[in-house]
C-alpha atoms as a PDB file:
ATOM      1  CA  MET A   1     134.172 110.407 141.699  1.00  0.00           C
ATOM      2  CA  ILE A   2     137.385 111.654 140.124  1.00  0.00           C
ATOM      3  CA  ALA A   3     135.511 112.336 136.882  1.00  0.00           C
ATOM      4  CA  LEU A   4     133.034 114.458 138.831  1.00  0.00           C
ATOM      5  CA  LEU A   5     135.889 116.441 140.376  1.00  0.00           C
ATOM      6  CA  PHE A   6     137.436 117.058 136.955  1.00  0.00           C
ATOM      7  CA  ALA A   7     134.047 118.106 135.573  1.00  0.00           C
ATOM      8  CA  LEU A   8     133.536 120.550 138.431  1.00  0.00           C
ATOM      9  CA  LEU A   9     136.999 122.023 137.945  1.00  0.00           C
ATOM     10  CA  THR A  10     136.321 122.350 134.214  1.00  0.00           C
ATOM     11  CA  ALA A  11     133.089 124.188 135.025  1.00  0.00           C
ATOM     12  CA  THR A  12     135.082 126.457 137.344  1.00  0.00           C
ATOM     13  CA  MET A  13     137.486 127.301 134.528  1.00  0.00           C
ATOM     14  CA  GLY A  14     134.535 127.974 132.232  1.00  0.00           C
ATOM     15  CA  LEU A  15     132.951 130.318 134.752  1.00  0.00           C
ATOM     16  CA  ASN A  16     136.239 132.175 135.114  1.00  0.00           C
ATOM     17  CA  TYR A  17     136.489 132.470 131.336  1.00  0.00           C
ATOM     18  CA  PHE A  18     133.069 134.138 131.221  1.00  0.00           C
ATOM     19  CA  ARG A  19     134.021 136.482 134.102  1.00  0.00           C
ATOM     20  CA  GLN A  20     131.689 134.888 136.663  1.00  0.00           C
ATOM     21  CA  THR A  21     134.304 135.029 139.408  1.00  0.00           C
ATOM     22  CA  MET A  22     132.004 134.805 142.436  1.00  0.00           C
ATOM     23  CA  ALA A  23     130.327 131.663 141.141  1.00  0.00           C
ATOM     24  CA  ALA A  24     133.687 130.244 140.076  1.00  0.00           C
ATOM     25  CA  ASN A  25     135.155 130.824 143.532  1.00  0.00           C
ATOM     26  CA  ALA A  26     132.166 129.187 145.225  1.00  0.00           C
ATOM     27  CA  LEU A  27     132.350 126.181 142.901  1.00  0.00           C
ATOM     28  CA  PHE A  28     136.110 125.923 143.384  1.00  0.00           C
ATOM     29  CA  PHE A  29     135.848 125.825 147.181  1.00  0.00           C
ATOM     30  CA  PHE A  30     132.995 123.308 146.960  1.00  0.00           C
ATOM     31  CA  THR A  31     135.156 121.129 144.697  1.00  0.00           C
ATOM     32  CA  LEU A  32     138.102 121.540 147.056  1.00  0.00           C
ATOM     33  CA  ALA A  33     136.007 120.400 150.019  1.00  0.00           C
ATOM     34  CA  LEU A  34     134.691 117.443 148.013  1.00  0.00           C
ATOM     35  CA  SER A  35     138.193 116.386 147.011  1.00  0.00           C
ATOM     36  CA  VAL A  36     139.439 116.562 150.613  1.00  0.00           C
ATOM     37  CA  TYR A  37     136.481 114.408 151.684  1.00  0.00           C
ATOM     38  CA  TRP A  38     137.224 111.928 148.876  1.00  0.00           C
ATOM     39  CA  LEU A  39     140.911 111.770 149.815  1.00  0.00           C
ATOM     40  CA  LYS A  40     140.111 111.259 153.510  1.00  0.00           C
ATOM     41  CA  PHE A  41     137.550 108.574 152.688  1.00  0.00           C
ATOM     42  CA  HIS A  42     140.001 106.588 150.586  1.00  0.00           C
ATOM     43  CA  ALA A  43     142.966 107.139 152.887  1.00  0.00           C
ATOM     44  CA  THR A  44     141.100 105.824 155.918  1.00  0.00           C
ATOM     45  CA  SER A  45     138.955 103.081 154.364  1.00  0.00           C
ATOM     46  CA  GLN A  46     139.882  99.550 155.236  1.00  0.00           C
ATOM     47  CA  LEU A  47     141.140  97.306 152.460  1.00  0.00           C
ATOM     48  CA  THR A  48     139.084  94.195 151.846  1.00  0.00           C
ATOM     49  CA  ILE A  49     141.439  91.699 150.287  1.00  0.00           C
ATOM     50  CA  HIS A  50     140.314  88.078 150.268  1.00  0.00           C
ATOM     51  CA  LEU A  51     143.132  85.657 149.621  1.00  0.00           C
END
């Protein structure tokens, strides 16, 4: 999942480089929402440790 987030942010930087700012902004906010979901999922998931 973290590799996907880095790939999306790299695509955002590429879009900004080629002056596609509207698409870059949309992709950035999509990536931001995805990263907040990922953080919330991992922060609230229960640990399964079998000793």
